[in-house]
Amino acid sequence: WLGEEKIFNVETSGSTGEPKKIEFSREQLVASAEASIQALS
């Protein structure tokens, strides 16, 4: 993150099926985090 990677692979827990890896962009993670930061003050 601090090295400014652009793509992150996240492994699912397997609670709803076989575990798998999903690719997300840095911008997607930022958008999710900013929404939480705002909602939770």
ModelCIF file with pLDDT and N, C-alpha, C, O atoms, coordinates in Angstrom:
data_MODEL
#
_entry.id   MODEL 
#
_entity.id                         1 
_entity.type                       polymer 
_entity.pdbx_number_of_molecules   1 
#
_entity_poly.entity_id                      1 
_entity_poly.type                           'polypeptide(L)' 
_entity_poly.nstd_linkage                   no 
_entity_poly.nstd_monomer                   no 
_entity_poly.pdbx_seq_one_letter_code       WLGEEKIFNVETSGSTGEPKKIEFSREQLVASAEASIQALS 
_entity_poly.pdbx_seq_one_letter_code_can   WLGEEKIFNVETSGSTGEPKKIEFSREQLVASAEASIQALS 
_entity_poly.pdbx_strand_id                 A 
#
loop_
_entity_poly_seq.entity_id 
_entity_poly_seq.num 
_entity_poly_seq.mon_id 
_entity_poly_seq.hetero 
1 1  TRP n 
1 2  LEU n 
1 3  GLY n 
1 4  GLU n 
1 5  GLU n 
1 6  LYS n 
1 7  ILE n 
1 8  PHE n 
1 9  ASN n 
1 10 VAL n 
1 11 GLU n 
1 12 THR n 
1 13 SER n 
1 14 GLY n 
1 15 SER n 
1 16 THR n 
1 17 GLY n 
1 18 GLU n 
1 19 PRO n 
1 20 LYS n 
1 21 LYS n 
1 22 ILE n 
1 23 GLU n 
1 24 PHE n 
1 25 SER n 
1 26 ARG n 
1 27 GLU n 
1 28 GLN n 
1 29 LEU n 
1 30 VAL n 
1 31 ALA n 
1 32 SER n 
1 33 ALA n 
1 34 GLU n 
1 35 ALA n 
1 36 SER n 
1 37 ILE n 
1 38 GLN n 
1 39 ALA n 
1 40 LEU n 
1 41 SER n 
#
_struct_asym.id          A 
_struct_asym.entity_id   1 
#
loop_
_ma_qa_metric.id 
_ma_qa_metric.mode 
_ma_qa_metric.name 
_ma_qa_metric.software_group_id 
_ma_qa_metric.type 
1 global pLDDT . pLDDT 
2 local  pLDDT . pLDDT 
#
_ma_qa_metric_global.metric_id      1 
_ma_qa_metric_global.metric_value   88.46 
_ma_qa_metric_global.model_id       1 
_ma_qa_metric_global.ordinal_id     1 
#
loop_
_ma_qa_metric_local.label_asym_id 
_ma_qa_metric_local.label_comp_id 
_ma_qa_metric_local.label_seq_id 
_ma_qa_metric_local.metric_id 
_ma_qa_metric_local.metric_value 
_ma_qa_metric_local.model_id 
_ma_qa_metric_local.ordinal_id 
A TRP 1  2 97.00 1 1  
A LEU 2  2 97.00 1 2  
A GLY 3  2 97.00 1 3  
A GLU 4  2 96.00 1 4  
A GLU 5  2 96.00 1 5  
A LYS 6  2 96.00 1 6  
A ILE 7  2 96.00 1 7  
A PHE 8  2 95.00 1 8  
A ASN 9  2 91.00 1 9  
A VAL 10 2 89.00 1 10 
A GLU 11 2 85.00 1 11 
A THR 12 2 81.00 1 12 
A SER 13 2 70.00 1 13 
A GLY 14 2 61.00 1 14 
A SER 15 2 59.00 1 15 
A THR 16 2 58.00 1 16 
A GLY 17 2 63.00 1 17 
A GLU 18 2 73.00 1 18 
A PRO 19 2 76.00 1 19 
A LYS 20 2 81.00 1 20 
A LYS 21 2 87.00 1 21 
A ILE 22 2 90.00 1 22 
A GLU 23 2 92.00 1 23 
A PHE 24 2 94.00 1 24 
A SER 25 2 95.00 1 25 
A ARG 26 2 95.00 1 26 
A GLU 27 2 95.00 1 27 
A GLN 28 2 94.00 1 28 
A LEU 29 2 95.00 1 29 
A VAL 30 2 95.00 1 30 
A ALA 31 2 93.00 1 31 
A SER 32 2 93.00 1 32 
A ALA 33 2 95.00 1 33 
A GLU 34 2 95.00 1 34 
A ALA 35 2 93.00 1 35 
A SER 36 2 95.00 1 36 
A ILE 37 2 96.00 1 37 
A GLN 38 2 94.00 1 38 
A ALA 39 2 94.00 1 39 
A LEU 40 2 95.00 1 40 
A SER 41 2 95.00 1 41 
#
loop_
_atom_site.group_PDB 
_atom_site.id 
_atom_site.type_symbol 
_atom_site.label_atom_id 
_atom_site.label_alt_id 
_atom_site.label_comp_id 
_atom_site.label_asym_id 
_atom_site.label_entity_id 
_atom_site.label_seq_id 
_atom_site.pdbx_PDB_ins_code 
_atom_site.Cartn_x 
_atom_site.Cartn_y 
_atom_site.Cartn_z 
_atom_site.occupancy 
_atom_site.B_iso_or_equiv 
_atom_site.pdbx_formal_charge 
_atom_site.auth_seq_id 
_atom_site.auth_comp_id 
_atom_site.auth_asym_id 
_atom_site.auth_atom_id 
_atom_site.pdbx_PDB_model_num 
ATOM 1   N N  . TRP A 1 1  ? 0.831   -1.211  0.000  1.00 97.00 ? 1  TRP A N  1 
ATOM 2   C CA . TRP A 1 1  ? 0.000   0.000   0.000  1.00 97.00 ? 1  TRP A CA 1 
ATOM 3   C C  . TRP A 1 1  ? 0.863   1.258   0.000  1.00 97.00 ? 1  TRP A C  1 
ATOM 4   O O  . TRP A 1 1  ? 0.662   2.150   -0.824 1.00 97.00 ? 1  TRP A O  1 
ATOM 5   N N  . LEU A 1 2  ? 1.812   1.332   0.910  1.00 97.00 ? 2  LEU A N  1 
ATOM 6   C CA . LEU A 1 2  ? 2.661   2.519   0.974  1.00 97.00 ? 2  LEU A CA 1 
ATOM 7   C C  . LEU A 1 2  ? 3.598   2.608   -0.223 1.00 97.00 ? 2  LEU A C  1 
ATOM 8   O O  . LEU A 1 2  ? 4.074   3.690   -0.566 1.00 97.00 ? 2  LEU A O  1 
ATOM 9   N N  . GLY A 1 3  ? 3.859   1.476   -0.855 1.00 97.00 ? 3  GLY A N  1 
ATOM 10  C CA . GLY A 1 3  ? 4.639   1.452   -2.085 1.00 97.00 ? 3  GLY A CA 1 
ATOM 11  C C  . GLY A 1 3  ? 3.822   1.790   -3.311 1.00 97.00 ? 3  GLY A C  1 
ATOM 12  O O  . GLY A 1 3  ? 4.320   1.737   -4.435 1.00 97.00 ? 3  GLY A O  1 
ATOM 13  N N  . GLU A 1 4  ? 2.551   2.143   -3.090 1.00 96.00 ? 4  GLU A N  1 
ATOM 14  C CA . GLU A 1 4  ? 1.640   2.616   -4.135 1.00 96.00 ? 4  GLU A CA 1 
ATOM 15  C C  . GLU A 1 4  ? 1.375   1.585   -5.221 1.00 96.00 ? 4  GLU A C  1 
ATOM 16  O O  . GLU A 1 4  ? 1.282   1.913   -6.404 1.00 96.00 ? 4  GLU A O  1 
ATOM 17  N N  . GLU A 1 5  ? 1.256   0.324   -4.790 1.00 96.00 ? 5  GLU A N  1 
ATOM 18  C CA . GLU A 1 5  ? 0.813   -0.710  -5.727 1.00 96.00 ? 5  GLU A CA 1 
ATOM 19  C C  . GLU A 1 5  ? -0.555  -0.341  -6.278 1.00 96.00 ? 5  GLU A C  1 
ATOM 20  O O  . GLU A 1 5  ? -1.362  0.281   -5.586 1.00 96.00 ? 5  GLU A O  1 
ATOM 21  N N  . LYS A 1 6  ? -0.814  -0.718  -7.510 1.00 96.00 ? 6  LYS A N  1 
ATOM 22  C CA . LYS A 1 6  ? -2.074  -0.346  -8.166 1.00 96.00 ? 6  LYS A CA 1 
ATOM 23  C C  . LYS A 1 6  ? -3.115  -1.450  -8.143 1.00 96.00 ? 6  LYS A C  1 
ATOM 24  O O  . LYS A 1 6  ? -4.313  -1.180  -8.233 1.00 96.00 ? 6  LYS A O  1 
ATOM 25  N N  . ILE A 1 7  ? -2.657  -2.712  -8.020 1.00 96.00 ? 7  ILE A N  1 
ATOM 26  C CA . ILE A 1 7  ? -3.561  -3.855  -8.061 1.00 96.00 ? 7  ILE A CA 1 
ATOM 27  C C  . ILE A 1 7  ? -3.328  -4.725  -6.831 1.00 96.00 ? 7  ILE A C  1 
ATOM 28  O O  . ILE A 1 7  ? -2.190  -4.983  -6.441 1.00 96.00 ? 7  ILE A O  1 
ATOM 29  N N  . PHE A 1 8  ? -4.438  -5.175  -6.223 1.00 95.00 ? 8  PHE A N  1 
ATOM 30  C CA . PHE A 1 8  ? -4.365  -6.012  -5.024 1.00 95.00 ? 8  PHE A CA 1 
ATOM 31  C C  . PHE A 1 8  ? -5.221  -7.253  -5.225 1.00 95.00 ? 8  PHE A C  1 
ATOM 32  O O  . PHE A 1 8  ? -6.347  -7.172  -5.716 1.00 95.00 ? 8  PHE A O  1 
ATOM 33  N N  . ASN A 1 9  ? -4.678  -8.401  -4.841 1.00 91.00 ? 9  ASN A N  1 
ATOM 34  C CA . ASN A 1 9  ? -5.417  -9.654  -4.893 1.00 91.00 ? 9  ASN A CA 1 
ATOM 35  C C  . ASN A 1 9  ? -5.897  -10.016 -3.491 1.00 91.00 ? 9  ASN A C  1 
ATOM 36  O O  . ASN A 1 9  ? -5.116  -10.034 -2.540 1.00 91.00 ? 9  ASN A O  1 
ATOM 37  N N  . VAL A 1 10 ? -7.183  -10.304 -3.379 1.00 89.00 ? 10 VAL A N  1 
ATOM 38  C CA . VAL A 1 10 ? -7.783  -10.622 -2.090 1.00 89.00 ? 10 VAL A CA 1 
ATOM 39  C C  . VAL A 1 10 ? -8.396  -12.015 -2.165 1.00 89.00 ? 10 VAL A C  1 
ATOM 40  O O  . VAL A 1 10 ? -9.111  -12.340 -3.113 1.00 89.00 ? 10 VAL A O  1 
ATOM 41  N N  . GLU A 1 11 ? -8.110  -12.831 -1.157 1.00 85.00 ? 11 GLU A N  1 
ATOM 42  C CA . GLU A 1 11 ? -8.649  -14.190 -1.110 1.00 85.00 ? 11 GLU A CA 1 
ATOM 43  C C  . GLU A 1 11 ? -9.962  -14.212 -0.345 1.00 85.00 ? 11 GLU A C  1 
ATOM 44  O O  . GLU A 1 11 ? -10.057 -13.642 0.742  1.00 85.00 ? 11 GLU A O  1 
ATOM 45  N N  . THR A 1 12 ? -10.972 -14.864 -0.900 1.00 81.00 ? 12 THR A N  1 
ATOM 46  C CA . THR A 1 12 ? -12.243 -14.996 -0.192 1.00 81.00 ? 12 THR A CA 1 
ATOM 47  C C  . THR A 1 12 ? -12.097 -16.026 0.925  1.00 81.00 ? 12 THR A C  1 
ATOM 48  O O  . THR A 1 12 ? -11.212 -16.882 0.890  1.00 81.00 ? 12 THR A O  1 
ATOM 49  N N  . SER A 1 13 ? -12.974 -15.929 1.908  1.00 70.00 ? 13 SER A N  1 
ATOM 50  C CA . SER A 1 13 ? -12.878 -16.812 3.079  1.00 70.00 ? 13 SER A CA 1 
ATOM 51  C C  . SER A 1 13 ? -13.375 -18.220 2.795  1.00 70.00 ? 13 SER A C  1 
ATOM 52  O O  . SER A 1 13 ? -13.028 -19.158 3.512  1.00 70.00 ? 13 SER A O  1 
ATOM 53  N N  . GLY A 1 14 ? -14.189 -18.375 1.749  1.00 61.00 ? 14 GLY A N  1 
ATOM 54  C CA . GLY A 1 14 ? -14.759 -19.684 1.444  1.00 61.00 ? 14 GLY A CA 1 
ATOM 55  C C  . GLY A 1 14 ? -16.077 -19.952 2.149  1.00 61.00 ? 14 GLY A C  1 
ATOM 56  O O  . GLY A 1 14 ? -16.596 -21.067 2.083  1.00 61.00 ? 14 GLY A O  1 
ATOM 57  N N  . SER A 1 15 ? -16.630 -18.944 2.826  1.00 59.00 ? 15 SER A N  1 
ATOM 58  C CA . SER A 1 15 ? -17.880 -19.146 3.573  1.00 59.00 ? 15 SER A CA 1 
ATOM 59  C C  . SER A 1 15 ? -19.083 -19.355 2.659  1.00 59.00 ? 15 SER A C  1 
ATOM 60  O O  . SER A 1 15 ? -20.083 -19.939 3.077  1.00 59.00 ? 15 SER A O  1 
ATOM 61  N N  . THR A 1 16 ? -18.995 -18.882 1.412  1.00 58.00 ? 16 THR A N  1 
ATOM 62  C CA . THR A 1 16 ? -20.112 -19.044 0.479  1.00 58.00 ? 16 THR A CA 1 
ATOM 63  C C  . THR A 1 16 ? -19.726 -19.877 -0.741 1.00 58.00 ? 16 THR A C  1 
ATOM 64  O O  . THR A 1 16 ? -20.441 -19.873 -1.743 1.00 58.00 ? 16 THR A O  1 
ATOM 65  N N  . GLY A 1 17 ? -18.615 -20.583 -0.668 1.00 63.00 ? 17 GLY A N  1 
ATOM 66  C CA . GLY A 1 17 ? -18.168 -21.401 -1.786 1.00 63.00 ? 17 GLY A CA 1 
ATOM 67  C C  . GLY A 1 17 ? -16.676 -21.646 -1.690 1.00 63.00 ? 17 GLY A C  1 
ATOM 68  O O  . GLY A 1 17 ? -16.052 -21.345 -0.672 1.00 63.00 ? 17 GLY A O  1 
ATOM 69  N N  . GLU A 1 18 ? -16.105 -22.195 -2.755 1.00 73.00 ? 18 GLU A N  1 
ATOM 70  C CA . GLU A 1 18 ? -14.675 -22.462 -2.772 1.00 73.00 ? 18 GLU A CA 1 
ATOM 71  C C  . GLU A 1 18 ? -13.893 -21.152 -2.680 1.00 73.00 ? 18 GLU A C  1 
ATOM 72  O O  . GLU A 1 18 ? -14.224 -20.189 -3.372 1.00 73.00 ? 18 GLU A O  1 
ATOM 73  N N  . PRO A 1 19 ? -12.849 -21.104 -1.824 1.00 76.00 ? 19 PRO A N  1 
ATOM 74  C CA . PRO A 1 19 ? -12.031 -19.890 -1.754 1.00 76.00 ? 19 PRO A CA 1 
ATOM 75  C C  . PRO A 1 19 ? -11.452 -19.553 -3.122 1.00 76.00 ? 19 PRO A C  1 
ATOM 76  O O  . PRO A 1 19 ? -11.069 -20.440 -3.885 1.00 76.00 ? 19 PRO A O  1 
ATOM 77  N N  . LYS A 1 20 ? -11.394 -18.268 -3.417 1.00 81.00 ? 20 LYS A N  1 
ATOM 78  C CA . LYS A 1 20 ? -10.836 -17.825 -4.686 1.00 81.00 ? 20 LYS A CA 1 
ATOM 79  C C  . LYS A 1 20 ? -10.192 -16.457 -4.492 1.00 81.00 ? 20 LYS A C  1 
ATOM 80  O O  . LYS A 1 20 ? -10.456 -15.774 -3.502 1.00 81.00 ? 20 LYS A O  1 
ATOM 81  N N  . LYS A 1 21 ? -9.359  -16.067 -5.430 1.00 87.00 ? 21 LYS A N  1 
ATOM 82  C CA . LYS A 1 21 ? -8.717  -14.754 -5.370 1.00 87.00 ? 21 LYS A CA 1 
ATOM 83  C C  . LYS A 1 21 ? -9.427  -13.800 -6.322 1.00 87.00 ? 21 LYS A C  1 
ATOM 84  O O  . LYS A 1 21 ? -9.763  -14.157 -7.451 1.00 87.00 ? 21 LYS A O  1 
ATOM 85  N N  . ILE A 1 22 ? -9.647  -12.580 -5.840 1.00 90.00 ? 22 ILE A N  1 
ATOM 86  C CA . ILE A 1 22 ? -10.306 -11.551 -6.624 1.00 90.00 ? 22 ILE A CA 1 
ATOM 87  C C  . ILE A 1 22 ? -9.365  -10.364 -6.736 1.00 90.00 ? 22 ILE A C  1 
ATOM 88  O O  . ILE A 1 22 ? -8.716  -9.990  -5.759 1.00 90.00 ? 22 ILE A O  1 
ATOM 89  N N  . GLU A 1 23 ? -9.288  -9.777  -7.908 1.00 92.00 ? 23 GLU A N  1 
ATOM 90  C CA . GLU A 1 23 ? -8.402  -8.653  -8.148 1.00 92.00 ? 23 GLU A CA 1 
ATOM 91  C C  . GLU A 1 23 ? -9.163  -7.335  -8.029 1.00 92.00 ? 23 GLU A C  1 
ATOM 92  O O  . GLU A 1 23 ? -10.241 -7.173  -8.601 1.00 92.00 ? 23 GLU A O  1 
ATOM 93  N N  . PHE A 1 24 ? -8.582  -6.393  -7.275 1.00 94.00 ? 24 PHE A N  1 
ATOM 94  C CA . PHE A 1 24 ? -9.183  -5.074  -7.122 1.00 94.00 ? 24 PHE A CA 1 
ATOM 95  C C  . PHE A 1 24 ? -8.136  -4.009  -7.430 1.00 94.00 ? 24 PHE A C  1 
ATOM 96  O O  . PHE A 1 24 ? -6.937  -4.221  -7.247 1.00 94.00 ? 24 PHE A O  1 
ATOM 97  N N  . SER A 1 25 ? -8.611  -2.876  -7.896 1.00 95.00 ? 25 SER A N  1 
ATOM 98  C CA . SER A 1 25 ? -7.706  -1.753  -8.126 1.00 95.00 ? 25 SER A CA 1 
ATOM 99  C C  . SER A 1 25 ? -7.539  -0.946  -6.842 1.00 95.00 ? 25 SER A C  1 
ATOM 100 O O  . SER A 1 25 ? -8.372  -1.010  -5.938 1.00 95.00 ? 25 SER A O  1 
ATOM 101 N N  . ARG A 1 26 ? -6.470  -0.201  -6.782 1.00 95.00 ? 26 ARG A N  1 
ATOM 102 C CA . ARG A 1 26 ? -6.231  0.678   -5.640 1.00 95.00 ? 26 ARG A CA 1 
ATOM 103 C C  . ARG A 1 26 ? -7.398  1.669   -5.489 1.00 95.00 ? 26 ARG A C  1 
ATOM 104 O O  . ARG A 1 26 ? -7.836  1.961   -4.376 1.00 95.00 ? 26 ARG A O  1 
ATOM 105 N N  . GLU A 1 27 ? -7.891  2.179   -6.622 1.00 95.00 ? 27 GLU A N  1 
ATOM 106 C CA . GLU A 1 27 ? -8.985  3.149   -6.585 1.00 95.00 ? 27 GLU A CA 1 
ATOM 107 C C  . GLU A 1 27 ? -10.233 2.552   -5.952 1.00 95.00 ? 27 GLU A C  1 
ATOM 108 O O  . GLU A 1 27 ? -10.970 3.255   -5.260 1.00 95.00 ? 27 GLU A O  1 
ATOM 109 N N  . GLN A 1 28 ? -10.480 1.276   -6.178 1.00 94.00 ? 28 GLN A N  1 
ATOM 110 C CA . GLN A 1 28 ? -11.649 0.626   -5.574 1.00 94.00 ? 28 GLN A CA 1 
ATOM 111 C C  . GLN A 1 28 ? -11.504 0.527   -4.055 1.00 94.00 ? 28 GLN A C  1 
ATOM 112 O O  . GLN A 1 28 ? -12.462 0.765   -3.320 1.00 94.00 ? 28 GLN A O  1 
ATOM 113 N N  . LEU A 1 29 ? -10.310 0.178   -3.590 1.00 95.00 ? 29 LEU A N  1 
ATOM 114 C CA . LEU A 1 29 ? -10.079 0.101   -2.148 1.00 95.00 ? 29 LEU A CA 1 
ATOM 115 C C  . LEU A 1 29 ? -10.213 1.475   -1.499 1.00 95.00 ? 29 LEU A C  1 
ATOM 116 O O  . LEU A 1 29 ? -10.773 1.604   -0.411 1.00 95.00 ? 29 LEU A O  1 
ATOM 117 N N  . VAL A 1 30 ? -9.693  2.501   -2.175 1.00 95.00 ? 30 VAL A N  1 
ATOM 118 C CA . VAL A 1 30 ? -9.795  3.863   -1.644 1.00 95.00 ? 30 VAL A CA 1 
ATOM 119 C C  . VAL A 1 30 ? -11.254 4.290   -1.547 1.00 95.00 ? 30 VAL A C  1 
ATOM 120 O O  . VAL A 1 30 ? -11.660 4.867   -0.539 1.00 95.00 ? 30 VAL A O  1 
ATOM 121 N N  . ALA A 1 31 ? -12.045 4.017   -2.575 1.00 93.00 ? 31 ALA A N  1 
ATOM 122 C CA . ALA A 1 31 ? -13.450 4.416   -2.570 1.00 93.00 ? 31 ALA A CA 1 
ATOM 123 C C  . ALA A 1 31 ? -14.206 3.742   -1.433 1.00 93.00 ? 31 ALA A C  1 
ATOM 124 O O  . ALA A 1 31 ? -15.021 4.384   -0.770 1.00 93.00 ? 31 ALA A O  1 
ATOM 125 N N  . SER A 1 32 ? -13.950 2.463   -1.199 1.00 93.00 ? 32 SER A N  1 
ATOM 126 C CA . SER A 1 32 ? -14.605 1.741   -0.115 1.00 93.00 ? 32 SER A CA 1 
ATOM 127 C C  . SER A 1 32 ? -14.200 2.318   1.238  1.00 93.00 ? 32 SER A C  1 
ATOM 128 O O  . SER A 1 32 ? -15.045 2.552   2.101  1.00 93.00 ? 32 SER A O  1 
ATOM 129 N N  . ALA A 1 33 ? -12.904 2.543   1.413  1.00 95.00 ? 33 ALA A N  1 
ATOM 130 C CA . ALA A 1 33 ? -12.418 3.070   2.691  1.00 95.00 ? 33 ALA A CA 1 
ATOM 131 C C  . ALA A 1 33 ? -12.972 4.463   2.968  1.00 95.00 ? 33 ALA A C  1 
ATOM 132 O O  . ALA A 1 33 ? -13.374 4.756   4.094  1.00 95.00 ? 33 ALA A O  1 
ATOM 133 N N  . GLU A 1 34 ? -12.996 5.313   1.964  1.00 95.00 ? 34 GLU A N  1 
ATOM 134 C CA . GLU A 1 34 ? -13.492 6.679   2.157  1.00 95.00 ? 34 GLU A CA 1 
ATOM 135 C C  . GLU A 1 34 ? -14.969 6.690   2.526  1.00 95.00 ? 34 GLU A C  1 
ATOM 136 O O  . GLU A 1 34 ? -15.399 7.517   3.331  1.00 95.00 ? 34 GLU A O  1 
ATOM 137 N N  . ALA A 1 35 ? -15.748 5.783   1.948  1.00 93.00 ? 35 ALA A N  1 
ATOM 138 C CA . ALA A 1 35 ? -17.170 5.706   2.298  1.00 93.00 ? 35 ALA A CA 1 
ATOM 139 C C  . ALA A 1 35 ? -17.350 5.302   3.758  1.00 93.00 ? 35 ALA A C  1 
ATOM 140 O O  . ALA A 1 35 ? -18.200 5.852   4.458  1.00 93.00 ? 35 ALA A O  1 
ATOM 141 N N  . SER A 1 36 ? -16.545 4.339   4.218  1.00 95.00 ? 36 SER A N  1 
ATOM 142 C CA . SER A 1 36 ? -16.614 3.913   5.621  1.00 95.00 ? 36 SER A CA 1 
ATOM 143 C C  . SER A 1 36 ? -16.169 5.027   6.561  1.00 95.00 ? 36 SER A C  1 
ATOM 144 O O  . SER A 1 36 ? -16.799 5.271   7.590  1.00 95.00 ? 36 SER A O  1 
ATOM 145 N N  . ILE A 1 37 ? -15.087 5.697   6.203  1.00 96.00 ? 37 ILE A N  1 
ATOM 146 C CA . ILE A 1 37 ? -14.568 6.791   7.029  1.00 96.00 ? 37 ILE A CA 1 
ATOM 147 C C  . ILE A 1 37 ? -15.631 7.863   7.215  1.00 96.00 ? 37 ILE A C  1 
ATOM 148 O O  . ILE A 1 37 ? -15.812 8.385   8.316  1.00 96.00 ? 37 ILE A O  1 
ATOM 149 N N  . GLN A 1 38 ? -16.332 8.189   6.136  1.00 94.00 ? 38 GLN A N  1 
ATOM 150 C CA . GLN A 1 38 ? -17.377 9.209   6.212  1.00 94.00 ? 38 GLN A CA 1 
ATOM 151 C C  . GLN A 1 38 ? -18.563 8.724   7.032  1.00 94.00 ? 38 GLN A C  1 
ATOM 152 O O  . GLN A 1 38 ? -19.051 9.444   7.903  1.00 94.00 ? 38 GLN A O  1 
ATOM 153 N N  . ALA A 1 39 ? -19.030 7.508   6.760  1.00 94.00 ? 39 ALA A N  1 
ATOM 154 C CA . ALA A 1 39 ? -20.216 6.991   7.449  1.00 94.00 ? 39 ALA A CA 1 
ATOM 155 C C  . ALA A 1 39 ? -19.987 6.821   8.940  1.00 94.00 ? 39 ALA A C  1 
ATOM 156 O O  . ALA A 1 39 ? -20.900 7.034   9.737  1.00 94.00 ? 39 ALA A O  1 
ATOM 157 N N  . LEU A 1 40 ? -18.766 6.436   9.328  1.00 95.00 ? 40 LEU A N  1 
ATOM 158 C CA . LEU A 1 40 ? -18.455 6.165   10.730 1.00 95.00 ? 40 LEU A CA 1 
ATOM 159 C C  . LEU A 1 40 ? -17.833 7.360   11.451 1.00 95.00 ? 40 LEU A C  1 
ATOM 160 O O  . LEU A 1 40 ? -17.542 7.289   12.646 1.00 95.00 ? 40 LEU A O  1 
ATOM 161 N N  . SER A 1 41 ? -17.629 8.463   10.716 1.00 95.00 ? 41 SER A N  1 
ATOM 162 C CA . SER A 1 41 ? -17.034 9.681   11.295 1.00 95.00 ? 41 SER A CA 1 
ATOM 163 C C  . SER A 1 41 ? -15.696 9.385   11.968 1.00 95.00 ? 41 SER A C  1 
ATOM 164 O O  . SER A 1 41 ? -15.061 10.292  12.505 1.00 95.00 ? 41 SER A O  1 
#
